[in-house]
Amino acid sequence: MKRTMICCAAFLSLSACAVPGDFCDVVPFEKRFEATETAPQMLKTDREDVKQIRVENEYGRRHCSW
């Protein structure tokens, strides 16, 4: 039990050190959907997700080399 707790503590402390990179490293290209089918359906069912994707795409166009 003690060994398991030590391993868990070591794993958690090391995982906090991971740095994934900036936005352009994490999101390497813009998100696109099939305009005739997927986009209209997403607007009906997941409008907030569509807004977030739009914000990410606009940010990426301005700050990354997309």
C-alpha atoms as a PDB file:
ATOM      1  CA  MET A   1       0.000   0.000   0.000  1.00  0.00           C
ATOM      2  CA  LYS A   2       2.790   2.391   0.931  1.00  0.00           C
ATOM      3  CA  ARG A   3       4.617   1.655  -2.324  1.00  0.00           C
ATOM      4  CA  THR A   4       1.439   2.318  -4.329  1.00  0.00           C
ATOM      5  CA  MET A   5       0.963   5.676  -2.629  1.00  0.00           C
ATOM      6  CA  ILE A   6       4.563   6.659  -3.349  1.00  0.00           C
ATOM      7  CA  CYS A   7       4.168   5.709  -7.011  1.00  0.00           C
ATOM      8  CA  CYS A   8       0.932   7.708  -7.269  1.00  0.00           C
ATOM      9  CA  ALA A   9       2.522  10.750  -5.652  1.00  0.00           C
ATOM     10  CA  ALA A  10       5.532  10.542  -7.980  1.00  0.00           C
ATOM     11  CA  PHE A  11       3.311  10.187 -11.036  1.00  0.00           C
ATOM     12  CA  LEU A  12       1.148  13.174 -10.071  1.00  0.00           C
ATOM     13  CA  SER A  13       4.129  15.396  -9.369  1.00  0.00           C
ATOM     14  CA  LEU A  14       5.790  14.493 -12.687  1.00  0.00           C
ATOM     15  CA  SER A  15       2.614  14.875 -14.717  1.00  0.00           C
ATOM     16  CA  ALA A  16       2.285  18.466 -13.508  1.00  0.00           C
ATOM     17  CA  CYS A  17       5.576  19.257 -15.270  1.00  0.00           C
ATOM     18  CA  ALA A  18       4.271  18.449 -18.757  1.00  0.00           C
ATOM     19  CA  VAL A  19       3.932  21.543 -20.923  1.00  0.00           C
ATOM     20  CA  PRO A  20       1.887  20.870 -24.075  1.00  0.00           C
ATOM     21  CA  GLY A  21       2.913  24.042 -25.920  1.00  0.00           C
ATOM     22  CA  ASP A  22       1.086  27.112 -27.094  1.00  0.00           C
ATOM     23  CA  PHE A  23      -2.236  27.202 -28.963  1.00  0.00           C
ATOM     24  CA  CYS A  24      -0.610  26.801 -32.380  1.00  0.00           C
ATOM     25  CA  ASP A  25       1.200  23.639 -31.232  1.00  0.00           C
ATOM     26  CA  VAL A  26      -1.888  22.085 -29.670  1.00  0.00           C
ATOM     27  CA  VAL A  27      -4.316  23.025 -32.466  1.00  0.00           C
ATOM     28  CA  PRO A  28      -2.285  22.684 -35.698  1.00  0.00           C
ATOM     29  CA  PHE A  29      -5.093  23.503 -38.151  1.00  0.00           C
ATOM     30  CA  GLU A  30      -8.609  24.900 -38.231  1.00  0.00           C
ATOM     31  CA  LYS A  31     -11.678  22.745 -37.693  1.00  0.00           C
ATOM     32  CA  ARG A  32     -13.974  22.338 -40.690  1.00  0.00           C
ATOM     33  CA  PHE A  33     -17.233  20.517 -41.281  1.00  0.00           C
ATOM     34  CA  GLU A  34     -19.145  19.396 -44.328  1.00  0.00           C
ATOM     35  CA  ALA A  35     -21.219  22.479 -45.113  1.00  0.00           C
ATOM     36  CA  THR A  36     -24.205  20.650 -46.557  1.00  0.00           C
ATOM     37  CA  GLU A  37     -24.819  18.180 -43.727  1.00  0.00           C
ATOM     38  CA  THR A  38     -22.739  18.506 -40.578  1.00  0.00           C
ATOM     39  CA  ALA A  39     -22.665  22.281 -40.116  1.00  0.00           C
ATOM     40  CA  PRO A  40     -26.457  22.851 -40.221  1.00  0.00           C
ATOM     41  CA  GLN A  41     -27.050  19.925 -37.854  1.00  0.00           C
ATOM     42  CA  MET A  42     -24.445  21.216 -35.408  1.00  0.00           C
ATOM     43  CA  LEU A  43     -26.052  24.645 -35.448  1.00  0.00           C
ATOM     44  CA  LYS A  44     -29.346  23.032 -34.450  1.00  0.00           C
ATOM     45  CA  THR A  45     -28.001  20.767 -31.713  1.00  0.00           C
ATOM     46  CA  ASP A  46     -24.644  22.171 -30.529  1.00  0.00           C
ATOM     47  CA  ARG A  47     -24.697  25.919 -31.137  1.00  0.00           C
ATOM     48  CA  GLU A  48     -22.337  26.706 -28.221  1.00  0.00           C
ATOM     49  CA  ASP A  49     -19.736  24.260 -29.568  1.00  0.00           C
ATOM     50  CA  VAL A  50     -19.991  25.887 -33.008  1.00  0.00           C
ATOM     51  CA  LYS A  51     -19.372  29.304 -31.433  1.00  0.00           C
ATOM     52  CA  GLN A  52     -16.285  27.992 -29.625  1.00  0.00           C
ATOM     53  CA  ILE A  53     -14.944  26.405 -32.816  1.00  0.00           C
ATOM     54  CA  ARG A  54     -15.440  29.697 -34.640  1.00  0.00           C
ATOM     55  CA  VAL A  55     -13.505  31.582 -31.955  1.00  0.00           C
ATOM     56  CA  GLU A  56     -10.659  29.033 -32.092  1.00  0.00           C
ATOM     57  CA  ASN A  57     -10.519  29.186 -35.898  1.00  0.00           C
ATOM     58  CA  GLU A  58     -10.437  33.005 -35.931  1.00  0.00           C
ATOM     59  CA  TYR A  59      -7.702  33.055 -33.284  1.00  0.00           C
ATOM     60  CA  GLY A  60      -5.682  30.485 -35.219  1.00  0.00           C
ATOM     61  CA  ARG A  61      -5.964  32.434 -38.474  1.00  0.00           C
ATOM     62  CA  ARG A  62      -4.655  35.563 -36.735  1.00  0.00           C
ATOM     63  CA  HIS A  63      -1.872  34.007 -34.619  1.00  0.00           C
ATOM     64  CA  CYS A  64      -0.804  30.755 -36.310  1.00  0.00           C
ATOM     65  CA  SER A  65       0.438  29.959 -39.802  1.00  0.00           C
ATOM     66  CA  TRP A  66      -2.767  28.325 -41.020  1.00  0.00           C
END
